[in-house]
């Protein structure tokens, strides 16, 4: 069957192509009578607009980019679902890019997206990012940029996170309340704002409840699973903490594995709590006590703000920090 385009509609109705186009967009320039004729014929001939051609005319790609450090983390999987739920409503495609915790990869991706490939960017920084000039360059070119979870607090744009400091404070306080007196912290990169805030929350709880701070109980974890396992194993052998607060879920899993290898009983000898959106946390043996972030809602909010910047000419992305509350879910790994 021959496809029907705007040109054919214009020829049949003996009007200009621009008039047909405006009528289909419900432009106020076109009379009600003409609009009705155009719409009736388009319906009769089953006219389908070409979204690609439309996006080219508007200089829009109808695509947004999501740049994240990893996909295995359940937090990012849920956040992407939230982002896509908004993008689908807006008729946009979502391109997902992984930095694999590499600053150089992050820079290369950002520069790849400069040339109109996407209309806006949602980003969660890599753990090795300390220079933000590539992001400043994006902003200078007018490409909307919104941070979520791992944010840069020095750029004038919107960032959406959870209450990292308060949640870390509550997690550590929970361990103390369960009888722990030697609490280790498995820390994510100091380059990240979430790493520093979670560390500060941990330290504040120790200070308030008058427990000593031992710097050797703060383990700077890496991006390598085997390295983290060995660091945690050495911690358990040499320092013998009775509680662990893990900044991210993969550190908690390594702590479980190291404990099993060393015949350390959880929660009898060691209690563990972690930031985690792990859907199987309740199925672990023992089930893992978690600080669960509203990752889906954070993703939706980040996308909602980005699309507002894309759709409203007068809306400017300004320095605004939106914080969602996380929930401490107590399970067997911290039981008395």
C-alpha atoms as a PDB file:
ATOM      1  CA  UNK A   1       0.000   0.000   0.000  1.00  0.00           C
ATOM      2  CA  UNK A   2       1.300   3.440  -0.947  1.00  0.00           C
ATOM      3  CA  UNK A   3       2.318   5.455   2.101  1.00  0.00           C
ATOM      4  CA  UNK A   4       0.482   8.672   2.810  1.00  0.00           C
ATOM      5  CA  UNK A   5       2.532  11.752   3.602  1.00  0.00           C
ATOM      6  CA  UNK A   6       1.833  15.453   4.132  1.00  0.00           C
ATOM      7  CA  UNK A   7       2.556  16.207   0.473  1.00  0.00           C
ATOM      8  CA  UNK A   8      -0.169  13.794  -0.687  1.00  0.00           C
ATOM      9  CA  UNK A   9      -2.687  15.280   1.748  1.00  0.00           C
ATOM     10  CA  UNK A  10      -1.838  18.761   0.462  1.00  0.00           C
ATOM     11  CA  UNK A  11      -2.281  17.701  -3.201  1.00  0.00           C
ATOM     12  CA  UNK A  12      -5.675  16.105  -2.578  1.00  0.00           C
ATOM     13  CA  UNK A  13      -6.967  19.121  -0.651  1.00  0.00           C
ATOM     14  CA  UNK A  14      -5.286  21.571  -3.033  1.00  0.00           C
ATOM     15  CA  UNK A  15      -3.624  23.494  -0.218  1.00  0.00           C
ATOM     16  CA  UNK A  16       0.007  24.064   0.724  1.00  0.00           C
ATOM     17  CA  UNK A  17       2.144  21.544   2.573  1.00  0.00           C
ATOM     18  CA  UNK A  18       2.790  24.073   5.342  1.00  0.00           C
ATOM     19  CA  UNK A  19      -0.966  24.538   5.841  1.00  0.00           C
ATOM     20  CA  UNK A  20      -1.446  20.783   6.244  1.00  0.00           C
ATOM     21  CA  UNK A  21       1.470  20.615   8.665  1.00  0.00           C
ATOM     22  CA  UNK A  22       0.115  23.473  10.776  1.00  0.00           C
ATOM     23  CA  UNK A  23      -3.392  22.005  10.749  1.00  0.00           C
ATOM     24  CA  UNK A  24      -2.100  18.663  12.044  1.00  0.00           C
ATOM     25  CA  UNK A  25      -0.266  20.520  14.828  1.00  0.00           C
ATOM     26  CA  UNK A  26      -3.472  22.416  15.700  1.00  0.00           C
ATOM     27  CA  UNK A  27      -1.839  25.765  14.945  1.00  0.00           C
ATOM     28  CA  UNK A  28      -3.891  28.886  15.717  1.00  0.00           C
ATOM     29  CA  UNK A  29      -2.910  30.221  12.251  1.00  0.00           C
ATOM     30  CA  UNK A  30      -5.257  27.756  10.553  1.00  0.00           C
ATOM     31  CA  UNK A  31      -9.047  28.060  10.482  1.00  0.00           C
ATOM     32  CA  UNK A  32     -11.223  25.500  12.245  1.00  0.00           C
ATOM     33  CA  UNK A  33     -12.817  24.475   8.924  1.00  0.00           C
ATOM     34  CA  UNK A  34      -9.449  23.758   7.294  1.00  0.00           C
ATOM     35  CA  UNK A  35      -8.241  21.820  10.322  1.00  0.00           C
ATOM     36  CA  UNK A  36     -11.326  19.620  10.234  1.00  0.00           C
ATOM     37  CA  UNK A  37     -10.836  18.866   6.506  1.00  0.00           C
ATOM     38  CA  UNK A  38      -7.183  17.986   6.986  1.00  0.00           C
ATOM     39  CA  UNK A  39      -7.809  15.792  10.039  1.00  0.00           C
ATOM     40  CA  UNK A  40     -10.748  14.012   8.357  1.00  0.00           C
ATOM     41  CA  UNK A  41      -8.680  13.166   5.266  1.00  0.00           C
ATOM     42  CA  UNK A  42      -5.664  12.124   7.356  1.00  0.00           C
ATOM     43  CA  UNK A  43      -7.909   9.771   9.315  1.00  0.00           C
ATOM     44  CA  UNK A  44      -9.535   8.381   6.172  1.00  0.00           C
ATOM     45  CA  UNK A  45      -6.193   7.633   4.510  1.00  0.00           C
ATOM     46  CA  UNK A  46      -4.598   6.395   7.772  1.00  0.00           C
ATOM     47  CA  UNK A  47      -1.878   9.023   7.692  1.00  0.00           C
ATOM     48  CA  UNK A  48       0.952   8.323  10.174  1.00  0.00           C
ATOM     49  CA  UNK A  49       3.388  11.125  11.013  1.00  0.00           C
ATOM     50  CA  UNK A  50       7.104  10.472  10.624  1.00  0.00           C
ATOM     51  CA  UNK A  51       8.622  11.064  14.084  1.00  0.00           C
ATOM     52  CA  UNK A  52      12.178  11.077  12.725  1.00  0.00           C
ATOM     53  CA  UNK A  53      11.417  13.759  10.163  1.00  0.00           C
ATOM     54  CA  UNK A  54       9.571  15.737  12.804  1.00  0.00           C
ATOM     55  CA  UNK A  55      12.528  15.597  15.165  1.00  0.00           C
ATOM     56  CA  UNK A  56      14.862  16.792  12.405  1.00  0.00           C
ATOM     57  CA  UNK A  57      12.639  19.777  11.647  1.00  0.00           C
ATOM     58  CA  UNK A  58      12.637  20.692  15.328  1.00  0.00           C
ATOM     59  CA  UNK A  59      16.399  20.027  15.646  1.00  0.00           C
ATOM     60  CA  UNK A  60      15.565  17.517  18.355  1.00  0.00           C
ATOM     61  CA  UNK A  61      16.843  13.971  18.609  1.00  0.00           C
ATOM     62  CA  UNK A  62      13.951  12.883  20.887  1.00  0.00           C
ATOM     63  CA  UNK A  63      16.620  11.038  22.847  1.00  0.00           C
ATOM     64  CA  UNK A  64      18.206  11.522  26.268  1.00  0.00           C
ATOM     65  CA  UNK A  65      21.384   9.958  27.633  1.00  0.00           C
ATOM     66  CA  UNK A  66      21.830   8.306  31.024  1.00  0.00           C
ATOM     67  CA  UNK A  67      25.461   7.965  32.107  1.00  0.00           C
ATOM     68  CA  UNK A  68      26.082   5.654  35.067  1.00  0.00           C
ATOM     69  CA  UNK A  69      29.156   3.953  36.550  1.00  0.00           C
ATOM     70  CA  UNK A  70      27.762   0.411  36.512  1.00  0.00           C
ATOM     71  CA  UNK A  71      24.634  -1.584  35.741  1.00  0.00           C
ATOM     72  CA  UNK A  72      25.077  -4.490  38.181  1.00  0.00           C
ATOM     73  CA  UNK A  73      24.166  -2.247  41.124  1.00  0.00           C
ATOM     74  CA  UNK A  74      20.438  -2.685  41.789  1.00  0.00           C
ATOM     75  CA  UNK A  75      20.105   1.012  42.607  1.00  0.00           C
ATOM     76  CA  UNK A  76      20.931   2.012  39.042  1.00  0.00           C
ATOM     77  CA  UNK A  77      18.641  -0.626  37.534  1.00  0.00           C
ATOM     78  CA  UNK A  78      15.702   0.795  39.494  1.00  0.00           C
ATOM     79  CA  UNK A  79      16.685   4.403  38.756  1.00  0.00           C
ATOM     80  CA  UNK A  80      16.758   3.633  35.015  1.00  0.00           C
ATOM     81  CA  UNK A  81      13.253   2.177  35.275  1.00  0.00           C
ATOM     82  CA  UNK A  82      12.114   5.436  36.830  1.00  0.00           C
ATOM     83  CA  UNK A  83      13.814   7.489  34.128  1.00  0.00           C
ATOM     84  CA  UNK A  84      12.318   5.407  31.332  1.00  0.00           C
ATOM     85  CA  UNK A  85       8.821   5.683  32.797  1.00  0.00           C
ATOM     86  CA  UNK A  86       8.975   9.457  32.224  1.00  0.00           C
ATOM     87  CA  UNK A  87      10.794   9.238  28.886  1.00  0.00           C
ATOM     88  CA  UNK A  88       8.107   6.930  27.487  1.00  0.00           C
ATOM     89  CA  UNK A  89       5.399   9.371  28.524  1.00  0.00           C
ATOM     90  CA  UNK A  90       7.258  12.087  26.613  1.00  0.00           C
ATOM     91  CA  UNK A  91       7.873   9.947  23.522  1.00  0.00           C
ATOM     92  CA  UNK A  92      11.646   9.918  24.029  1.00  0.00           C
ATOM     93  CA  UNK A  93      14.255   7.206  23.690  1.00  0.00           C
ATOM     94  CA  UNK A  94      16.816   6.547  26.425  1.00  0.00           C
ATOM     95  CA  UNK A  95      20.453   5.720  25.627  1.00  0.00           C
ATOM     96  CA  UNK A  96      22.372   4.188  28.538  1.00  0.00           C
ATOM     97  CA  UNK A  97      26.136   4.579  28.757  1.00  0.00           C
ATOM     98  CA  UNK A  98      28.463   2.928  31.294  1.00  0.00           C
ATOM     99  CA  UNK A  99      31.674   4.550  32.514  1.00  0.00           C
ATOM    100  CA  UNK A 100      32.820   1.440  34.430  1.00  0.00           C
ATOM    101  CA  UNK A 101      34.059   3.863  37.117  1.00  0.00           C
ATOM    102  CA  UNK A 102      36.491   5.442  34.642  1.00  0.00           C
ATOM    103  CA  UNK A 103      36.963   9.215  34.512  1.00  0.00           C
ATOM    104  CA  UNK A 104      38.482   8.989  31.021  1.00  0.00           C
ATOM    105  CA  UNK A 105      35.522   6.966  29.782  1.00  0.00           C
ATOM    106  CA  UNK A 106      33.162   9.534  31.310  1.00  0.00           C
ATOM    107  CA  UNK A 107      34.971  12.385  29.507  1.00  0.00           C
ATOM    108  CA  UNK A 108      34.890  10.488  26.201  1.00  0.00           C
ATOM    109  CA  UNK A 109      31.147   9.819  26.531  1.00  0.00           C
ATOM    110  CA  UNK A 110      30.335  13.419  27.399  1.00  0.00           C
ATOM    111  CA  UNK A 111      32.250  14.670  24.362  1.00  0.00           C
ATOM    112  CA  UNK A 112      30.577  12.077  22.160  1.00  0.00           C
ATOM    113  CA  UNK A 113      27.197  13.528  23.146  1.00  0.00           C
ATOM    114  CA  UNK A 114      28.068  17.156  22.369  1.00  0.00           C
ATOM    115  CA  UNK A 115      27.007  17.133  18.732  1.00  0.00           C
ATOM    116  CA  UNK A 116      23.231  16.830  18.942  1.00  0.00           C
ATOM    117  CA  UNK A 117      23.128  13.081  19.489  1.00  0.00           C
ATOM    118  CA  UNK A 118      20.926  13.660  22.557  1.00  0.00           C
ATOM    119  CA  UNK A 119      18.759  16.509  23.854  1.00  0.00           C
ATOM    120  CA  UNK A 120      19.806  16.188  27.491  1.00  0.00           C
ATOM    121  CA  UNK A 121      21.914  14.162  29.928  1.00  0.00           C
ATOM    122  CA  UNK A 122      21.259  12.489  33.265  1.00  0.00           C
ATOM    123  CA  UNK A 123      24.494  11.487  34.979  1.00  0.00           C
ATOM    124  CA  UNK A 124      25.823   9.731  38.061  1.00  0.00           C
ATOM    125  CA  UNK A 125      29.560  10.336  38.346  1.00  0.00           C
ATOM    126  CA  UNK A 126      32.307   7.734  38.256  1.00  0.00           C
ATOM    127  CA  UNK A 127      34.245   7.165  41.479  1.00  0.00           C
ATOM    128  CA  UNK A 128      37.452   8.401  39.831  1.00  0.00           C
ATOM    129  CA  UNK A 129      36.119  11.768  38.656  1.00  0.00           C
ATOM    130  CA  UNK A 130      37.829  14.745  40.296  1.00  0.00           C
ATOM    131  CA  UNK A 131      37.943  17.215  37.390  1.00  0.00           C
ATOM    132  CA  UNK A 132      34.593  18.558  36.156  1.00  0.00           C
ATOM    133  CA  UNK A 133      35.713  20.660  33.191  1.00  0.00           C
ATOM    134  CA  UNK A 134      34.094  18.241  30.711  1.00  0.00           C
ATOM    135  CA  UNK A 135      30.760  18.809  32.435  1.00  0.00           C
ATOM    136  CA  UNK A 136      31.242  22.579  32.472  1.00  0.00           C
ATOM    137  CA  UNK A 137      31.881  22.317  28.723  1.00  0.00           C
ATOM    138  CA  UNK A 138      28.523  20.558  28.239  1.00  0.00           C
ATOM    139  CA  UNK A 139      26.731  23.285  30.147  1.00  0.00           C
ATOM    140  CA  UNK A 140      28.524  25.935  28.116  1.00  0.00           C
ATOM    141  CA  UNK A 141      27.093  24.411  24.948  1.00  0.00           C
ATOM    142  CA  UNK A 142      23.560  24.643  26.349  1.00  0.00           C
ATOM    143  CA  UNK A 143      22.957  20.902  26.741  1.00  0.00           C
ATOM    144  CA  UNK A 144      20.755  20.337  29.833  1.00  0.00           C
ATOM    145  CA  UNK A 145      22.507  18.277  32.509  1.00  0.00           C
ATOM    146  CA  UNK A 146      20.991  16.822  35.701  1.00  0.00           C
ATOM    147  CA  UNK A 147      22.813  14.788  38.369  1.00  0.00           C
ATOM    148  CA  UNK A 148      21.413  11.919  40.395  1.00  0.00           C
ATOM    149  CA  UNK A 149      22.922   9.867  43.248  1.00  0.00           C
ATOM    150  CA  UNK A 150      26.615  10.651  42.611  1.00  0.00           C
ATOM    151  CA  UNK A 151      26.603  14.393  42.073  1.00  0.00           C
ATOM    152  CA  UNK A 152      28.924  17.335  41.525  1.00  0.00           C
ATOM    153  CA  UNK A 153      28.061  20.079  43.990  1.00  0.00           C
ATOM    154  CA  UNK A 154      30.172  22.689  42.176  1.00  0.00           C
ATOM    155  CA  UNK A 155      28.082  22.969  39.000  1.00  0.00           C
ATOM    156  CA  UNK A 156      25.031  25.171  38.701  1.00  0.00           C
ATOM    157  CA  UNK A 157      22.368  22.575  37.994  1.00  0.00           C
ATOM    158  CA  UNK A 158      19.889  20.300  39.760  1.00  0.00           C
ATOM    159  CA  UNK A 159      21.001  17.201  41.675  1.00  0.00           C
ATOM    160  CA  UNK A 160      18.811  14.495  43.199  1.00  0.00           C
ATOM    161  CA  UNK A 161      20.097  12.238  45.966  1.00  0.00           C
ATOM    162  CA  UNK A 162      19.043  10.399  49.070  1.00  0.00           C
ATOM    163  CA  UNK A 163      19.755  11.563  52.640  1.00  0.00           C
ATOM    164  CA  UNK A 164      23.228  10.001  52.728  1.00  0.00           C
ATOM    165  CA  UNK A 165      24.477  11.655  55.924  1.00  0.00           C
ATOM    166  CA  UNK A 166      21.330  10.991  57.959  1.00  0.00           C
ATOM    167  CA  UNK A 167      20.981   7.419  56.686  1.00  0.00           C
ATOM    168  CA  UNK A 168      24.622   6.609  57.497  1.00  0.00           C
ATOM    169  CA  UNK A 169      24.173   8.110  60.960  1.00  0.00           C
ATOM    170  CA  UNK A 170      21.049   5.996  61.526  1.00  0.00           C
ATOM    171  CA  UNK A 171      22.754   2.848  60.202  1.00  0.00           C
ATOM    172  CA  UNK A 172      25.689   3.227  62.591  1.00  0.00           C
ATOM    173  CA  UNK A 173      23.403   4.129  65.482  1.00  0.00           C
ATOM    174  CA  UNK A 174      21.364   0.992  64.716  1.00  0.00           C
ATOM    175  CA  UNK A 175      24.488  -1.192  65.010  1.00  0.00           C
ATOM    176  CA  UNK A 176      25.375   0.449  68.325  1.00  0.00           C
ATOM    177  CA  UNK A 177      21.831  -0.119  69.539  1.00  0.00           C
ATOM    178  CA  UNK A 178      22.227  -3.803  68.703  1.00  0.00           C
ATOM    179  CA  UNK A 179      25.273  -4.039  70.979  1.00  0.00           C
ATOM    180  CA  UNK A 180      28.156  -3.318  68.565  1.00  0.00           C
ATOM    181  CA  UNK A 181      31.189  -1.512  70.029  1.00  0.00           C
ATOM    182  CA  UNK A 182      33.801  -1.984  67.258  1.00  0.00           C
ATOM    183  CA  UNK A 183      32.156  -0.839  64.019  1.00  0.00           C
ATOM    184  CA  UNK A 184      34.017  -0.818  60.721  1.00  0.00           C
ATOM    185  CA  UNK A 185      32.998   1.264  57.709  1.00  0.00           C
ATOM    186  CA  UNK A 186      33.468  -0.069  54.177  1.00  0.00           C
ATOM    187  CA  UNK A 187      33.774   3.227  52.349  1.00  0.00           C
ATOM    188  CA  UNK A 188      33.138   4.146  48.733  1.00  0.00           C
ATOM    189  CA  UNK A 189      35.500   6.601  47.000  1.00  0.00           C
ATOM    190  CA  UNK A 190      36.372   9.862  48.784  1.00  0.00           C
ATOM    191  CA  UNK A 191      36.009  11.563  45.389  1.00  0.00           C
ATOM    192  CA  UNK A 192      32.246  11.141  45.633  1.00  0.00           C
ATOM    193  CA  UNK A 193      29.968  13.356  47.707  1.00  0.00           C
ATOM    194  CA  UNK A 194      27.973  10.297  48.780  1.00  0.00           C
ATOM    195  CA  UNK A 195      31.165   8.657  50.074  1.00  0.00           C
ATOM    196  CA  UNK A 196      32.074  11.653  52.204  1.00  0.00           C
ATOM    197  CA  UNK A 197      28.547  12.154  53.533  1.00  0.00           C
ATOM    198  CA  UNK A 198      28.181   8.502  54.510  1.00  0.00           C
ATOM    199  CA  UNK A 199      31.555   8.638  56.263  1.00  0.00           C
ATOM    200  CA  UNK A 200      30.541  11.770  58.179  1.00  0.00           C
ATOM    201  CA  UNK A 201      27.275  10.163  59.279  1.00  0.00           C
ATOM    202  CA  UNK A 202      29.180   7.132  60.546  1.00  0.00           C
ATOM    203  CA  UNK A 203      31.665   9.294  62.465  1.00  0.00           C
ATOM    204  CA  UNK A 204      28.916  11.477  63.952  1.00  0.00           C
ATOM    205  CA  UNK A 205      27.104   8.437  65.395  1.00  0.00           C
ATOM    206  CA  UNK A 206      30.330   7.137  66.978  1.00  0.00           C
ATOM    207  CA  UNK A 207      31.028  10.566  68.452  1.00  0.00           C
ATOM    208  CA  UNK A 208      27.520  11.063  69.880  1.00  0.00           C
ATOM    209  CA  UNK A 209      27.451   7.626  71.474  1.00  0.00           C
ATOM    210  CA  UNK A 210      31.017   8.031  72.749  1.00  0.00           C
ATOM    211  CA  UNK A 211      32.667   5.203  70.860  1.00  0.00           C
ATOM    212  CA  UNK A 212      36.311   5.646  69.829  1.00  0.00           C
ATOM    213  CA  UNK A 213      37.165   6.400  66.187  1.00  0.00           C
ATOM    214  CA  UNK A 214      39.782   4.027  64.795  1.00  0.00           C
ATOM    215  CA  UNK A 215      41.011   5.112  61.363  1.00  0.00           C
ATOM    216  CA  UNK A 216      42.128   1.566  60.596  1.00  0.00           C
ATOM    217  CA  UNK A 217      38.460   0.478  60.827  1.00  0.00           C
ATOM    218  CA  UNK A 218      37.626   2.711  57.859  1.00  0.00           C
ATOM    219  CA  UNK A 219      38.391   0.674  54.742  1.00  0.00           C
ATOM    220  CA  UNK A 220      38.728   2.543  51.449  1.00  0.00           C
ATOM    221  CA  UNK A 221      37.273  -0.021  49.075  1.00  0.00           C
ATOM    222  CA  UNK A 222      38.127  -0.174  45.390  1.00  0.00           C
ATOM    223  CA  UNK A 223      36.403  -1.019  42.109  1.00  0.00           C
ATOM    224  CA  UNK A 224      37.957  -4.503  42.132  1.00  0.00           C
ATOM    225  CA  UNK A 225      35.930  -7.250  43.806  1.00  0.00           C
ATOM    226  CA  UNK A 226      38.939  -9.442  44.578  1.00  0.00           C
ATOM    227  CA  UNK A 227      40.813  -6.543  46.165  1.00  0.00           C
ATOM    228  CA  UNK A 228      37.814  -5.635  48.309  1.00  0.00           C
ATOM    229  CA  UNK A 229      37.441  -9.239  49.437  1.00  0.00           C
ATOM    230  CA  UNK A 230      41.080  -9.338  50.578  1.00  0.00           C
ATOM    231  CA  UNK A 231      40.810  -5.954  52.341  1.00  0.00           C
ATOM    232  CA  UNK A 232      37.708  -7.106  54.235  1.00  0.00           C
ATOM    233  CA  UNK A 233      39.252 -10.473  55.050  1.00  0.00           C
ATOM    234  CA  UNK A 234      42.308  -8.758  56.552  1.00  0.00           C
ATOM    235  CA  UNK A 235      40.012  -6.423  58.522  1.00  0.00           C
ATOM    236  CA  UNK A 236      38.100  -9.360  59.982  1.00  0.00           C
ATOM    237  CA  UNK A 237      41.280 -11.267  60.841  1.00  0.00           C
ATOM    238  CA  UNK A 238      43.265  -8.409  62.378  1.00  0.00           C
ATOM    239  CA  UNK A 239      40.684  -5.991  63.807  1.00  0.00           C
ATOM    240  CA  UNK A 240      37.771  -8.351  64.497  1.00  0.00           C
ATOM    241  CA  UNK A 241      34.977  -5.722  64.330  1.00  0.00           C
ATOM    242  CA  UNK A 242      31.605  -6.735  65.731  1.00  0.00           C
ATOM    243  CA  UNK A 243      29.735  -4.530  63.268  1.00  0.00           C
ATOM    244  CA  UNK A 244      30.130  -3.449  59.633  1.00  0.00           C
ATOM    245  CA  UNK A 245      28.461  -0.539  57.906  1.00  0.00           C
ATOM    246  CA  UNK A 246      28.883  -0.945  54.131  1.00  0.00           C
ATOM    247  CA  UNK A 247      28.478   2.089  51.882  1.00  0.00           C
ATOM    248  CA  UNK A 248      27.238  -0.006  48.938  1.00  0.00           C
ATOM    249  CA  UNK A 249      25.764  -3.475  48.567  1.00  0.00           C
ATOM    250  CA  UNK A 250      28.660  -5.179  46.806  1.00  0.00           C
ATOM    251  CA  UNK A 251      30.882  -4.493  49.839  1.00  0.00           C
ATOM    252  CA  UNK A 252      28.310  -6.162  52.077  1.00  0.00           C
ATOM    253  CA  UNK A 253      28.275  -9.236  49.824  1.00  0.00           C
ATOM    254  CA  UNK A 254      32.085  -9.409  50.028  1.00  0.00           C
ATOM    255  CA  UNK A 255      31.799  -9.166  53.825  1.00  0.00           C
ATOM    256  CA  UNK A 256      29.383 -12.126  53.813  1.00  0.00           C
ATOM    257  CA  UNK A 257      31.795 -14.159  51.683  1.00  0.00           C
ATOM    258  CA  UNK A 258      34.828 -13.297  53.815  1.00  0.00           C
ATOM    259  CA  UNK A 259      32.919 -14.096  57.013  1.00  0.00           C
ATOM    260  CA  UNK A 260      31.929 -17.494  55.653  1.00  0.00           C
ATOM    261  CA  UNK A 261      35.509 -18.297  54.710  1.00  0.00           C
ATOM    262  CA  UNK A 262      36.734 -17.307  58.183  1.00  0.00           C
ATOM    263  CA  UNK A 263      33.878 -19.102  59.995  1.00  0.00           C
ATOM    264  CA  UNK A 264      32.601 -15.844  61.479  1.00  0.00           C
ATOM    265  CA  UNK A 265      28.910 -16.106  62.339  1.00  0.00           C
ATOM    266  CA  UNK A 266      26.512 -13.376  61.193  1.00  0.00           C
ATOM    267  CA  UNK A 267      24.904 -11.882  63.283  1.00  0.00           C
ATOM    268  CA  UNK A 268      26.285 -13.665  66.389  1.00  0.00           C
ATOM    269  CA  UNK A 269      29.904 -12.533  65.906  1.00  0.00           C
ATOM    270  CA  UNK A 270      29.446  -9.826  63.310  1.00  0.00           C
ATOM    271  CA  UNK A 271      26.466  -7.640  62.420  1.00  0.00           C
ATOM    272  CA  UNK A 272      26.205  -6.097  58.943  1.00  0.00           C
ATOM    273  CA  UNK A 273      24.133  -3.251  57.538  1.00  0.00           C
ATOM    274  CA  UNK A 274      24.446  -1.761  54.060  1.00  0.00           C
ATOM    275  CA  UNK A 275      23.067   0.802  51.662  1.00  0.00           C
ATOM    276  CA  UNK A 276      21.363  -1.529  49.216  1.00  0.00           C
ATOM    277  CA  UNK A 277      18.479  -1.891  46.793  1.00  0.00           C
ATOM    278  CA  UNK A 278      19.211  -5.594  46.469  1.00  0.00           C
ATOM    279  CA  UNK A 279      15.847  -7.239  45.809  1.00  0.00           C
ATOM    280  CA  UNK A 280      17.158 -10.523  47.211  1.00  0.00           C
ATOM    281  CA  UNK A 281      18.408  -8.965  50.491  1.00  0.00           C
ATOM    282  CA  UNK A 282      15.668 -10.780  52.381  1.00  0.00           C
ATOM    283  CA  UNK A 283      16.750 -14.107  50.824  1.00  0.00           C
ATOM    284  CA  UNK A 284      20.402 -13.942  51.909  1.00  0.00           C
ATOM    285  CA  UNK A 285      21.462 -16.183  54.778  1.00  0.00           C
ATOM    286  CA  UNK A 286      21.071 -14.392  57.102  1.00  0.00           C
ATOM    287  CA  UNK A 287      18.813 -11.775  55.513  1.00  0.00           C
ATOM    288  CA  UNK A 288      20.585  -8.416  55.114  1.00  0.00           C
ATOM    289  CA  UNK A 289      19.575  -5.291  57.030  1.00  0.00           C
ATOM    290  CA  UNK A 290      19.536  -2.461  54.501  1.00  0.00           C
ATOM    291  CA  UNK A 291      19.225   1.262  54.020  1.00  0.00           C
ATOM    292  CA  UNK A 292      16.972   1.124  50.981  1.00  0.00           C
ATOM    293  CA  UNK A 293      16.945   4.139  48.696  1.00  0.00           C
ATOM    294  CA  UNK A 294      13.880   5.208  46.674  1.00  0.00           C
ATOM    295  CA  UNK A 295      15.860   4.672  43.484  1.00  0.00           C
ATOM    296  CA  UNK A 296      12.856   4.487  41.136  1.00  0.00           C
ATOM    297  CA  UNK A 297      11.476   7.763  42.492  1.00  0.00           C
ATOM    298  CA  UNK A 298      14.879   9.435  42.254  1.00  0.00           C
ATOM    299  CA  UNK A 299      15.125   8.376  38.602  1.00  0.00           C
ATOM    300  CA  UNK A 300      11.617   9.675  37.858  1.00  0.00           C
ATOM    301  CA  UNK A 301      12.345  12.996  39.545  1.00  0.00           C
ATOM    302  CA  UNK A 302      15.637  13.439  37.684  1.00  0.00           C
ATOM    303  CA  UNK A 303      13.923  12.749  34.342  1.00  0.00           C
ATOM    304  CA  UNK A 304      10.968  15.008  35.197  1.00  0.00           C
ATOM    305  CA  UNK A 305      13.304  17.935  35.853  1.00  0.00           C
ATOM    306  CA  UNK A 306      15.330  17.278  32.702  1.00  0.00           C
ATOM    307  CA  UNK A 307      12.195  17.234  30.540  1.00  0.00           C
ATOM    308  CA  UNK A 308      10.967  20.417  32.156  1.00  0.00           C
ATOM    309  CA  UNK A 309      14.206  22.061  31.047  1.00  0.00           C
ATOM    310  CA  UNK A 310      13.697  20.662  27.536  1.00  0.00           C
ATOM    311  CA  UNK A 311      10.058  21.731  27.226  1.00  0.00           C
ATOM    312  CA  UNK A 312       9.845  25.060  29.067  1.00  0.00           C
ATOM    313  CA  UNK A 313      11.934  27.813  27.511  1.00  0.00           C
ATOM    314  CA  UNK A 314      11.857  29.923  30.670  1.00  0.00           C
ATOM    315  CA  UNK A 315      12.828  27.095  33.026  1.00  0.00           C
ATOM    316  CA  UNK A 316      16.501  27.229  33.941  1.00  0.00           C
ATOM    317  CA  UNK A 317      18.409  24.449  35.669  1.00  0.00           C
ATOM    318  CA  UNK A 318      19.740  26.187  38.766  1.00  0.00           C
ATOM    319  CA  UNK A 319      21.786  24.993  41.717  1.00  0.00           C
ATOM    320  CA  UNK A 320      19.169  22.958  43.572  1.00  0.00           C
ATOM    321  CA  UNK A 321      19.641  19.825  45.678  1.00  0.00           C
ATOM    322  CA  UNK A 322      16.583  17.581  46.016  1.00  0.00           C
ATOM    323  CA  UNK A 323      16.800  14.955  48.755  1.00  0.00           C
ATOM    324  CA  UNK A 324      14.711  11.787  49.067  1.00  0.00           C
ATOM    325  CA  UNK A 325      14.487   9.883  52.352  1.00  0.00           C
ATOM    326  CA  UNK A 326      15.792   6.309  52.533  1.00  0.00           C
ATOM    327  CA  UNK A 327      14.352   3.580  54.738  1.00  0.00           C
ATOM    328  CA  UNK A 328      16.222   1.396  57.223  1.00  0.00           C
ATOM    329  CA  UNK A 329      14.829  -2.132  56.914  1.00  0.00           C
ATOM    330  CA  UNK A 330      15.915  -4.315  59.814  1.00  0.00           C
ATOM    331  CA  UNK A 331      16.543  -7.986  59.066  1.00  0.00           C
ATOM    332  CA  UNK A 332      18.507 -10.882  60.563  1.00  0.00           C
ATOM    333  CA  UNK A 333      22.045  -9.639  59.842  1.00  0.00           C
ATOM    334  CA  UNK A 334      21.836  -7.127  62.710  1.00  0.00           C
ATOM    335  CA  UNK A 335      19.591  -9.025  65.128  1.00  0.00           C
ATOM    336  CA  UNK A 336      20.697  -9.493  68.745  1.00  0.00           C
END
